[in-house]
PDB file of N, CA and C in Angstrom:
ATOM      1  N   MET A   1       0.842  -1.180   0.000  1.00  0.00           N
ATOM      2  CA  MET A   1       0.000   0.000   0.000  1.00  0.00           C
ATOM      3  C   MET A   1       0.890   1.247   0.000  1.00  0.00           C
ATOM      4  N   SER A   2       0.453   2.268  -0.708  1.00  0.00           N
ATOM      5  CA  SER A   2       1.189   3.530  -0.775  1.00  0.00           C
ATOM      6  C   SER A   2       1.039   4.310   0.526  1.00  0.00           C
ATOM      7  N   THR A   3       2.060   5.105   0.833  1.00  0.00           N
ATOM      8  CA  THR A   3       2.067   5.899   2.052  1.00  0.00           C
ATOM      9  C   THR A   3       1.419   7.252   1.797  1.00  0.00           C
ATOM     10  N   ARG A   4       0.560   7.670   2.718  1.00  0.00           N
ATOM     11  CA  ARG A   4      -0.081   8.976   2.608  1.00  0.00           C
ATOM     12  C   ARG A   4       0.960  10.084   2.724  1.00  0.00           C
ATOM     13  N   LEU A   5       0.734  11.145   1.969  1.00  0.00           N
ATOM     14  CA  LEU A   5       1.603  12.315   2.039  1.00  0.00           C
ATOM     15  C   LEU A   5       1.086  13.258   3.124  1.00  0.00           C
ATOM     16  N   SER A   6       2.001  13.974   3.748  1.00  0.00           N
ATOM     17  CA  SER A   6       1.603  14.980   4.744  1.00  0.00           C
ATOM     18  C   SER A   6       1.047  16.200   4.015  1.00  0.00           C
ATOM     19  N   ALA A   7       0.366  17.065   4.749  1.00  0.00           N
ATOM     20  CA  ALA A   7      -0.175  18.299   4.167  1.00  0.00           C
ATOM     21  C   ALA A   7       0.949  19.127   3.547  1.00  0.00           C
ATOM     22  N   GLU A   8       2.093  19.174   4.207  1.00  0.00           N
ATOM     23  CA  GLU A   8       3.238  19.930   3.693  1.00  0.00           C
ATOM     24  C   GLU A   8       3.760  19.319   2.391  1.00  0.00           C
ATOM     25  N   GLU A   9       3.878  17.998   2.354  1.00  0.00           N
ATOM     26  CA  GLU A   9       4.337  17.329   1.131  1.00  0.00           C
ATOM     27  C   GLU A   9       3.363  17.574  -0.018  1.00  0.00           C
ATOM     28  N   ILE A  10       2.078  17.551   0.280  1.00  0.00           N
ATOM     29  CA  ILE A  10       1.070  17.794  -0.754  1.00  0.00           C
ATOM     30  C   ILE A  10       1.215  19.203  -1.300  1.00  0.00           C
ATOM     31  N   GLN A  11       1.367  20.188  -0.434  1.00  0.00           N
ATOM     32  CA  GLN A  11       1.514  21.572  -0.889  1.00  0.00           C
ATOM     33  C   GLN A  11       2.768  21.734  -1.741  1.00  0.00           C
ATOM     34  N   GLN A  12       3.841  21.062  -1.373  1.00  0.00           N
ATOM     35  CA  GLN A  12       5.065  21.126  -2.168  1.00  0.00           C
ATOM     36  C   GLN A  12       4.839  20.545  -3.558  1.00  0.00           C
ATOM     37  N   ARG A  13       4.147  19.433  -3.621  1.00  0.00           N
ATOM     38  CA  ARG A  13       3.903  18.795  -4.914  1.00  0.00           C
ATOM     39  C   ARG A  13       2.898  19.584  -5.746  1.00  0.00           C
ATOM     40  N   LEU A  14       1.911  20.213  -5.089  1.00  0.00           N
ATOM     41  CA  LEU A  14       0.943  21.026  -5.824  1.00  0.00           C
ATOM     42  C   LEU A  14       1.610  22.221  -6.496  1.00  0.00           C
ATOM     43  N   ALA A  15       2.730  22.677  -5.953  1.00  0.00           N
ATOM     44  CA  ALA A  15       3.463  23.792  -6.566  1.00  0.00           C
ATOM     45  C   ALA A  15       3.916  23.436  -7.985  1.00  0.00           C
ATOM     46  N   ASP A  16       4.092  22.143  -8.245  1.00  0.00           N
ATOM     47  CA  ASP A  16       4.506  21.675  -9.576  1.00  0.00           C
ATOM     48  C   ASP A  16       3.321  21.190 -10.416  1.00  0.00           C
ATOM     49  N   LEU A  17       2.102  21.403  -9.904  1.00  0.00           N
ATOM     50  CA  LEU A  17       0.898  20.949 -10.604  1.00  0.00           C
ATOM     51  C   LEU A  17      -0.078  22.114 -10.771  1.00  0.00           C
ATOM     52  N   PRO A  18       0.214  23.034 -11.683  1.00  0.00           N
ATOM     53  CA  PRO A  18      -0.666  24.191 -11.879  1.00  0.00           C
ATOM     54  C   PRO A  18      -2.107  23.762 -12.163  1.00  0.00           C
ATOM     55  N   GLY A  19      -3.034  24.474 -11.534  1.00  0.00           N
ATOM     56  CA  GLY A  19      -4.450  24.201 -11.729  1.00  0.00           C
ATOM     57  C   GLY A  19      -5.028  23.191 -10.752  1.00  0.00           C
ATOM     58  N   TRP A  20      -4.170  22.469 -10.050  1.00  0.00           N
ATOM     59  CA  TRP A  20      -4.624  21.468  -9.085  1.00  0.00           C
ATOM     60  C   TRP A  20      -4.724  22.094  -7.704  1.00  0.00           C
ATOM     61  N   SER A  21      -5.674  21.623  -6.929  1.00  0.00           N
ATOM     62  CA  SER A  21      -5.794  22.028  -5.532  1.00  0.00           C
ATOM     63  C   SER A  21      -6.100  20.775  -4.721  1.00  0.00           C
ATOM     64  N   GLY A  22      -6.028  20.915  -3.436  1.00  0.00           N
ATOM     65  CA  GLY A  22      -6.347  19.762  -2.618  1.00  0.00           C
ATOM     66  C   GLY A  22      -5.833  19.857  -1.210  1.00  0.00           C
ATOM     67  N   ASP A  23      -6.028  18.766  -0.518  1.00  0.00           N
ATOM     68  CA  ASP A  23      -5.631  18.630   0.875  1.00  0.00           C
ATOM     69  C   ASP A  23      -5.314  17.156   1.104  1.00  0.00           C
ATOM     70  N   PRO A  24      -5.034  16.747   2.330  1.00  0.00           N
ATOM     71  CA  PRO A  24      -4.672  15.341   2.551  1.00  0.00           C
ATOM     72  C   PRO A  24      -5.745  14.322   2.153  1.00  0.00           C
ATOM     73  N   GLN A  25      -6.967  14.782   1.935  1.00  0.00           N
ATOM     74  CA  GLN A  25      -8.034  13.856   1.542  1.00  0.00           C
ATOM     75  C   GLN A  25      -8.105  13.608   0.042  1.00  0.00           C
ATOM     76  N   GLY A  26      -7.663  14.583  -0.763  1.00  0.00           N
ATOM     77  CA  GLY A  26      -7.739  14.392  -2.208  1.00  0.00           C
ATOM     78  C   GLY A  26      -7.305  15.615  -2.985  1.00  0.00           C
ATOM     79  N   LEU A  27      -7.028  15.414  -4.260  1.00  0.00           N
ATOM     80  CA  LEU A  27      -6.631  16.477  -5.177  1.00  0.00           C
ATOM     81  C   LEU A  27      -7.691  16.602  -6.255  1.00  0.00           C
ATOM     82  N   ASN A  28      -7.887  17.817  -6.770  1.00  0.00           N
ATOM     83  CA  ASN A  28      -8.854  17.974  -7.847  1.00  0.00           C
ATOM     84  C   ASN A  28      -8.478  19.120  -8.771  1.00  0.00           C
ATOM     85  N   ARG A  29      -9.007  19.008  -9.970  1.00  0.00           N
ATOM     86  CA  ARG A  29      -8.802  20.049 -10.977  1.00  0.00           C
ATOM     87  C   ARG A  29      -9.963  19.991 -11.964  1.00  0.00           C
ATOM     88  N   THR A  30     -10.480  21.155 -12.312  1.00  0.00           N
ATOM     89  CA  THR A  30     -11.479  21.260 -13.364  1.00  0.00           C
ATOM     90  C   THR A  30     -10.804  21.875 -14.575  1.00  0.00           C
ATOM     91  N   ILE A  31     -10.979  21.227 -15.724  1.00  0.00           N
ATOM     92  CA  ILE A  31     -10.347  21.662 -16.969  1.00  0.00           C
ATOM     93  C   ILE A  31     -11.441  21.925 -17.988  1.00  0.00           C
ATOM     94  N   GLU A  32     -11.355  23.081 -18.641  1.00  0.00           N
ATOM     95  CA  GLU A  32     -12.302  23.395 -19.703  1.00  0.00           C
ATOM     96  C   GLU A  32     -11.629  23.173 -21.051  1.00  0.00           C
ATOM     97  N   PHE A  33     -12.240  22.314 -21.849  1.00  0.00           N
ATOM     98  CA  PHE A  33     -11.729  21.999 -23.174  1.00  0.00           C
ATOM     99  C   PHE A  33     -12.463  22.837 -24.219  1.00  0.00           C
ATOM    100  N   SER A  34     -11.992  22.796 -25.448  1.00  0.00           N
ATOM    101  CA  SER A  34     -12.567  23.647 -26.495  1.00  0.00           C
ATOM    102  C   SER A  34     -13.989  23.256 -26.864  1.00  0.00           C
ATOM    103  N   ASP A  35     -14.310  21.969 -26.734  1.00  0.00           N
ATOM    104  CA  ASP A  35     -15.653  21.507 -27.066  1.00  0.00           C
ATOM    105  C   ASP A  35     -15.883  20.144 -26.408  1.00  0.00           C
ATOM    106  N   PHE A  36     -17.112  19.662 -26.531  1.00  0.00           N
ATOM    107  CA  PHE A  36     -17.475  18.398 -25.893  1.00  0.00           C
ATOM    108  C   PHE A  36     -16.672  17.207 -26.423  1.00  0.00           C
ATOM    109  N   PRO A  37     -16.513  17.059 -27.746  1.00  0.00           N
ATOM    110  CA  PRO A  37     -15.721  15.909 -28.223  1.00  0.00           C
ATOM    111  C   PRO A  37     -14.282  15.902 -27.686  1.00  0.00           C
ATOM    112  N   THR A  38     -13.677  17.068 -27.550  1.00  0.00           N
ATOM    113  CA  THR A  38     -12.311  17.128 -27.012  1.00  0.00           C
ATOM    114  C   THR A  38     -12.307  16.729 -25.542  1.00  0.00           C
ATOM    115  N   ALA A  39     -13.332  17.147 -24.811  1.00  0.00           N
ATOM    116  CA  ALA A  39     -13.443  16.759 -23.399  1.00  0.00           C
ATOM    117  C   ALA A  39     -13.548  15.244 -23.275  1.00  0.00           C
ATOM    118  N   ILE A  40     -14.339  14.635 -24.128  1.00  0.00           N
ATOM    119  CA  ILE A  40     -14.490  13.182 -24.085  1.00  0.00           C
ATOM    120  C   ILE A  40     -13.191  12.494 -24.500  1.00  0.00           C
ATOM    121  N   ARG A  41     -12.500  13.041 -25.491  1.00  0.00           N
ATOM    122  CA  ARG A  41     -11.196  12.496 -25.896  1.00  0.00           C
ATOM    123  C   ARG A  41     -10.229  12.519 -24.705  1.00  0.00           C
ATOM    124  N   ALA A  42     -10.264  13.613 -23.943  1.00  0.00           N
ATOM    125  CA  ALA A  42      -9.402  13.712 -22.755  1.00  0.00           C
ATOM    126  C   ALA A  42      -9.750  12.631 -21.747  1.00  0.00           C
ATOM    127  N   VAL A  43     -11.024  12.403 -21.524  1.00  0.00           N
ATOM    128  CA  VAL A  43     -11.446  11.378 -20.575  1.00  0.00           C
ATOM    129  C   VAL A  43     -10.961  10.002 -21.019  1.00  0.00           C
ATOM    130  N   VAL A  44     -11.051   9.720 -22.306  1.00  0.00           N
ATOM    131  CA  VAL A  44     -10.590   8.429 -22.817  1.00  0.00           C
ATOM    132  C   VAL A  44      -9.082   8.278 -22.610  1.00  0.00           C
ATOM    133  N   LEU A  45      -8.326   9.323 -22.919  1.00  0.00           N
ATOM    134  CA  LEU A  45      -6.869   9.262 -22.738  1.00  0.00           C
ATOM    135  C   LEU A  45      -6.497   9.114 -21.265  1.00  0.00           C
ATOM    136  N   VAL A  46      -7.208   9.815 -20.394  1.00  0.00           N
ATOM    137  CA  VAL A  46      -6.954   9.680 -18.950  1.00  0.00           C
ATOM    138  C   VAL A  46      -7.308   8.269 -18.496  1.00  0.00           C
ATOM    139  N   ALA A  47      -8.401   7.720 -18.997  1.00  0.00           N
ATOM    140  CA  ALA A  47      -8.785   6.352 -18.628  1.00  0.00           C
ATOM    141  C   ALA A  47      -7.700   5.357 -19.019  1.00  0.00           C
ATOM    142  N   GLU A  48      -7.125   5.536 -20.203  1.00  0.00           N
ATOM    143  CA  GLU A  48      -6.056   4.638 -20.641  1.00  0.00           C
ATOM    144  C   GLU A  48      -4.820   4.767 -19.757  1.00  0.00           C
ATOM    145  N   ALA A  49      -4.458   6.003 -19.409  1.00  0.00           N
ATOM    146  CA  ALA A  49      -3.307   6.217 -18.525  1.00  0.00           C
ATOM    147  C   ALA A  49      -3.578   5.630 -17.146  1.00  0.00           C
ATOM    148  N   ALA A  50      -4.788   5.816 -16.652  1.00  0.00           N
ATOM    149  CA  ALA A  50      -5.154   5.302 -15.328  1.00  0.00           C
ATOM    150  C   ALA A  50      -5.091   3.776 -15.303  1.00  0.00           C
ATOM    151  N   GLU A  51      -5.525   3.151 -16.383  1.00  0.00           N
ATOM    152  CA  GLU A  51      -5.453   1.695 -16.453  1.00  0.00           C
ATOM    153  C   GLU A  51      -4.009   1.222 -16.407  1.00  0.00           C
ATOM    154  N   GLN A  52      -3.126   1.917 -17.124  1.00  0.00           N
ATOM    155  CA  GLN A  52      -1.702   1.557 -17.106  1.00  0.00           C
ATOM    156  C   GLN A  52      -1.128   1.685 -15.702  1.00  0.00           C
ATOM    157  N   MET A  53      -1.584   2.696 -14.967  1.00  0.00           N
ATOM    158  CA  MET A  53      -1.085   2.928 -13.611  1.00  0.00           C
ATOM    159  C   MET A  53      -1.811   2.076 -12.565  1.00  0.00           C
ATOM    160  N   ASP A  54      -2.936   1.480 -12.953  1.00  0.00           N
ATOM    161  CA  ASP A  54      -3.827   0.782 -12.029  1.00  0.00           C
ATOM    162  C   ASP A  54      -4.221   1.709 -10.870  1.00  0.00           C
ATOM    163  N   HIS A  55      -4.559   2.942 -11.255  1.00  0.00           N
ATOM    164  CA  HIS A  55      -4.949   3.971 -10.282  1.00  0.00           C
ATOM    165  C   HIS A  55      -5.936   4.897 -10.994  1.00  0.00           C
ATOM    166  N   HIS A  56      -7.151   4.981 -10.509  1.00  0.00           N
ATOM    167  CA  HIS A  56      -8.232   5.588 -11.272  1.00  0.00           C
ATOM    168  C   HIS A  56      -8.824   6.819 -10.591  1.00  0.00           C
ATOM    169  N   PRO A  57      -9.004   7.888 -11.362  1.00  0.00           N
ATOM    170  CA  PRO A  57      -9.597   9.105 -10.808  1.00  0.00           C
ATOM    171  C   PRO A  57     -11.122   9.030 -10.830  1.00  0.00           C
ATOM    172  N   ASP A  58     -11.752   9.891 -10.042  1.00  0.00           N
ATOM    173  CA  ASP A  58     -13.177  10.140 -10.190  1.00  0.00           C
ATOM    174  C   ASP A  58     -13.284  11.236 -11.242  1.00  0.00           C
ATOM    175  N   ILE A  59     -14.227  11.089 -12.161  1.00  0.00           N
ATOM    176  CA  ILE A  59     -14.353  12.019 -13.275  1.00  0.00           C
ATOM    177  C   ILE A  59     -15.798  12.494 -13.372  1.00  0.00           C
ATOM    178  N   ASP A  60     -15.967  13.808 -13.458  1.00  0.00           N
ATOM    179  CA  ASP A  60     -17.279  14.416 -13.642  1.00  0.00           C
ATOM    180  C   ASP A  60     -17.236  15.241 -14.923  1.00  0.00           C
ATOM    181  N   ILE A  61     -18.115  14.920 -15.879  1.00  0.00           N
ATOM    182  CA  ILE A  61     -18.139  15.601 -17.173  1.00  0.00           C
ATOM    183  C   ILE A  61     -19.377  16.481 -17.246  1.00  0.00           C
ATOM    184  N   ARG A  62     -19.167  17.760 -17.521  1.00  0.00           N
ATOM    185  CA  ARG A  62     -20.255  18.723 -17.705  1.00  0.00           C
ATOM    186  C   ARG A  62     -19.955  19.512 -18.968  1.00  0.00           C
ATOM    187  N   TRP A  63     -20.538  19.078 -20.075  1.00  0.00           N
ATOM    188  CA  TRP A  63     -20.329  19.656 -21.390  1.00  0.00           C
ATOM    189  C   TRP A  63     -18.845  19.639 -21.707  1.00  0.00           C
ATOM    190  N   ARG A  64     -18.177  20.783 -21.747  1.00  0.00           N
ATOM    191  CA  ARG A  64     -16.749  20.783 -22.092  1.00  0.00           C
ATOM    192  C   ARG A  64     -15.858  20.954 -20.866  1.00  0.00           C
ATOM    193  N   ARG A  65     -16.468  20.930 -19.678  1.00  0.00           N
ATOM    194  CA  ARG A  65     -15.727  21.035 -18.418  1.00  0.00           C
ATOM    195  C   ARG A  65     -15.644  19.654 -17.767  1.00  0.00           C
ATOM    196  N   VAL A  66     -14.424  19.259 -17.435  1.00  0.00           N
ATOM    197  CA  VAL A  66     -14.219  17.959 -16.808  1.00  0.00           C
ATOM    198  C   VAL A  66     -13.486  18.172 -15.489  1.00  0.00           C
ATOM    199  N   THR A  67     -14.047  17.602 -14.426  1.00  0.00           N
ATOM    200  CA  THR A  67     -13.399  17.672 -13.114  1.00  0.00           C
ATOM    201  C   THR A  67     -12.813  16.300 -12.794  1.00  0.00           C
ATOM    202  N   PHE A  68     -11.535  16.312 -12.458  1.00  0.00           N
ATOM    203  CA  PHE A  68     -10.823  15.102 -12.065  1.00  0.00           C
ATOM    204  C   PHE A  68     -10.534  15.189 -10.571  1.00  0.00           C
ATOM    205  N   ALA A  69     -10.820  14.120  -9.849  1.00  0.00           N
ATOM    206  CA  ALA A  69     -10.514  14.036  -8.421  1.00  0.00           C
ATOM    207  C   ALA A  69      -9.710  12.763  -8.195  1.00  0.00           C
ATOM    208  N   VAL A  70      -8.601  12.907  -7.474  1.00  0.00           N
ATOM    209  CA  VAL A  70      -7.745  11.748  -7.224  1.00  0.00           C
ATOM    210  C   VAL A  70      -7.439  11.619  -5.738  1.00  0.00           C
ATOM    211  N   SER A  71      -7.479  10.394  -5.282  1.00  0.00           N
ATOM    212  CA  SER A  71      -7.040  10.043  -3.930  1.00  0.00           C
ATOM    213  C   SER A  71      -6.830   8.531  -3.930  1.00  0.00           C
ATOM    214  N   THR A  72      -6.084   8.075  -2.956  1.00  0.00           N
ATOM    215  CA  THR A  72      -5.831   6.641  -2.847  1.00  0.00           C
ATOM    216  C   THR A  72      -6.716   6.115  -1.735  1.00  0.00           C
ATOM    217  N   HIS A  73      -7.839   5.525  -2.129  1.00  0.00           N
ATOM    218  CA  HIS A  73      -8.836   5.088  -1.154  1.00  0.00           C
ATOM    219  C   HIS A  73      -8.260   4.087  -0.155  1.00  0.00           C
ATOM    220  N   SER A  74      -7.417   3.185  -0.631  1.00  0.00           N
ATOM    221  CA  SER A  74      -6.854   2.166   0.265  1.00  0.00           C
ATOM    222  C   SER A  74      -5.924   2.770   1.311  1.00  0.00           C
ATOM    223  N   ALA A  75      -5.364   3.959   1.022  1.00  0.00           N
ATOM    224  CA  ALA A  75      -4.474   4.629   1.985  1.00  0.00           C
ATOM    225  C   ALA A  75      -5.221   5.682   2.795  1.00  0.00           C
ATOM    226  N   GLY A  76      -6.449   5.980   2.410  1.00  0.00           N
ATOM    227  CA  GLY A  76      -7.236   6.963   3.135  1.00  0.00           C
ATOM    228  C   GLY A  76      -6.841   8.404   2.850  1.00  0.00           C
ATOM    229  N   GLY A  77      -6.257   8.665   1.681  1.00  0.00           N
ATOM    230  CA  GLY A  77      -5.878  10.039   1.350  1.00  0.00           C
ATOM    231  C   GLY A  77      -4.922  10.094   0.176  1.00  0.00           C
ATOM    232  N   VAL A  78      -4.191  11.183   0.110  1.00  0.00           N
ATOM    233  CA  VAL A  78      -3.308  11.447  -1.026  1.00  0.00           C
ATOM    234  C   VAL A  78      -1.953  10.752  -0.846  1.00  0.00           C
ATOM    235  N   THR A  79      -1.519  10.092  -1.925  1.00  0.00           N
ATOM    236  CA  THR A  79      -0.208   9.446  -1.955  1.00  0.00           C
ATOM    237  C   THR A  79       0.538   9.919  -3.202  1.00  0.00           C
ATOM    238  N   GLY A  80       1.733   9.451  -3.370  1.00  0.00           N
ATOM    239  CA  GLY A  80       2.504   9.772  -4.556  1.00  0.00           C
ATOM    240  C   GLY A  80       1.830   9.317  -5.842  1.00  0.00           C
ATOM    241  N   LEU A  81       1.048   8.249  -5.783  1.00  0.00           N
ATOM    242  CA  LEU A  81       0.299   7.808  -6.960  1.00  0.00           C
ATOM    243  C   LEU A  81      -0.634   8.912  -7.451  1.00  0.00           C
ATOM    244  N   ASP A  82      -1.218   9.647  -6.511  1.00  0.00           N
ATOM    245  CA  ASP A  82      -2.166  10.692  -6.881  1.00  0.00           C
ATOM    246  C   ASP A  82      -1.476  11.870  -7.557  1.00  0.00           C
ATOM    247  N   THR A  83      -0.332  12.255  -7.035  1.00  0.00           N
ATOM    248  CA  THR A  83       0.381  13.366  -7.685  1.00  0.00           C
ATOM    249  C   THR A  83       0.927  12.929  -9.039  1.00  0.00           C
ATOM    250  N   ASP A  84       1.327  11.668  -9.164  1.00  0.00           N
ATOM    251  CA  ASP A  84       1.774  11.159 -10.462  1.00  0.00           C
ATOM    252  C   ASP A  84       0.621  11.156 -11.463  1.00  0.00           C
ATOM    253  N   LEU A  85      -0.559  10.708 -11.034  1.00  0.00           N
ATOM    254  CA  LEU A  85      -1.716  10.689 -11.918  1.00  0.00           C
ATOM    255  C   LEU A  85      -2.144  12.114 -12.268  1.00  0.00           C
ATOM    256  N   ALA A  86      -2.112  13.019 -11.315  1.00  0.00           N
ATOM    257  CA  ALA A  86      -2.450  14.417 -11.592  1.00  0.00           C
ATOM    258  C   ALA A  86      -1.519  14.985 -12.661  1.00  0.00           C
ATOM    259  N   ASP A  87      -0.244  14.665 -12.567  1.00  0.00           N
ATOM    260  CA  ASP A  87       0.719  15.131 -13.562  1.00  0.00           C
ATOM    261  C   ASP A  87       0.391  14.554 -14.945  1.00  0.00           C
ATOM    262  N   ARG A  88       0.031  13.290 -15.005  1.00  0.00           N
ATOM    263  CA  ARG A  88      -0.336  12.671 -16.298  1.00  0.00           C
ATOM    264  C   ARG A  88      -1.581  13.322 -16.872  1.00  0.00           C
ATOM    265  N   ILE A  89      -2.558  13.607 -16.013  1.00  0.00           N
ATOM    266  CA  ILE A  89      -3.790  14.261 -16.473  1.00  0.00           C
ATOM    267  C   ILE A  89      -3.453  15.639 -17.039  1.00  0.00           C
ATOM    268  N   SER A  90      -2.594  16.379 -16.359  1.00  0.00           N
ATOM    269  CA  SER A  90      -2.194  17.709 -16.842  1.00  0.00           C
ATOM    270  C   SER A  90      -1.494  17.622 -18.191  1.00  0.00           C
ATOM    271  N   THR A  91      -0.649  16.626 -18.352  1.00  0.00           N
ATOM    272  CA  THR A  91       0.066  16.434 -19.618  1.00  0.00           C
ATOM    273  C   THR A  91      -0.916  16.126 -20.747  1.00  0.00           C
ATOM    274  N   ILE A  92      -1.892  15.291 -20.458  1.00  0.00           N
ATOM    275  CA  ILE A  92      -2.910  14.952 -21.460  1.00  0.00           C
ATOM    276  C   ILE A  92      -3.714  16.201 -21.827  1.00  0.00           C
ATOM    277  N   ALA A  93      -4.123  16.967 -20.826  1.00  0.00           N
ATOM    278  CA  ALA A  93      -4.899  18.183 -21.090  1.00  0.00           C
ATOM    279  C   ALA A  93      -4.100  19.157 -21.942  1.00  0.00           C
ATOM    280  N   ALA A  94      -2.836  19.312 -21.628  1.00  0.00           N
ATOM    281  CA  ALA A  94      -1.987  20.226 -22.396  1.00  0.00           C
ATOM    282  C   ALA A  94      -1.847  19.761 -23.848  1.00  0.00           C
ATOM    283  N   SER A  95      -1.796  18.451 -24.052  1.00  0.00           N
ATOM    284  CA  SER A  95      -1.668  17.925 -25.408  1.00  0.00           C
ATOM    285  C   SER A  95      -2.920  18.191 -26.241  1.00  0.00           C
ATOM    286  N   LEU A  96      -4.028  18.458 -25.546  1.00  0.00           N
ATOM    287  CA  LEU A  96      -5.299  18.758 -26.223  1.00  0.00           C
ATOM    288  C   LEU A  96      -5.590  20.268 -26.203  1.00  0.00           C
ATOM    289  N   SER A  97      -4.565  21.047 -25.900  1.00  0.00           N
ATOM    290  CA  SER A  97      -4.652  22.511 -25.861  1.00  0.00           C
ATOM    291  C   SER A  97      -5.641  23.041 -24.843  1.00  0.00           C
ATOM    292  N   ALA A  98      -5.749  22.367 -23.710  1.00  0.00           N
ATOM    293  CA  ALA A  98      -6.639  22.857 -22.644  1.00  0.00           C
ATOM    294  C   ALA A  98      -5.874  23.767 -21.706  1.00  0.00           C
TER     295      ALA A  98
END
């Protein structure tokens, strides 16, 4: 099982994750894409990355706005897996010009 990060560690890692916010319970980011099909493309790409990592975000889709929430349920909060997944999500969003 992954080790939970402290509030200080989370804040340090969030400094390298623009657009993300959070606390020891979880991280989240809402991203607005250019249109609905691009938002769905982002969700598909994130799903594929999450499967590779065996670590899955909660995803809420509202037209072209997608909110991603990450936490490690088995650890009861945020771990390094979550910051790694947040970074992958940001990379995917950037590749789609979000």
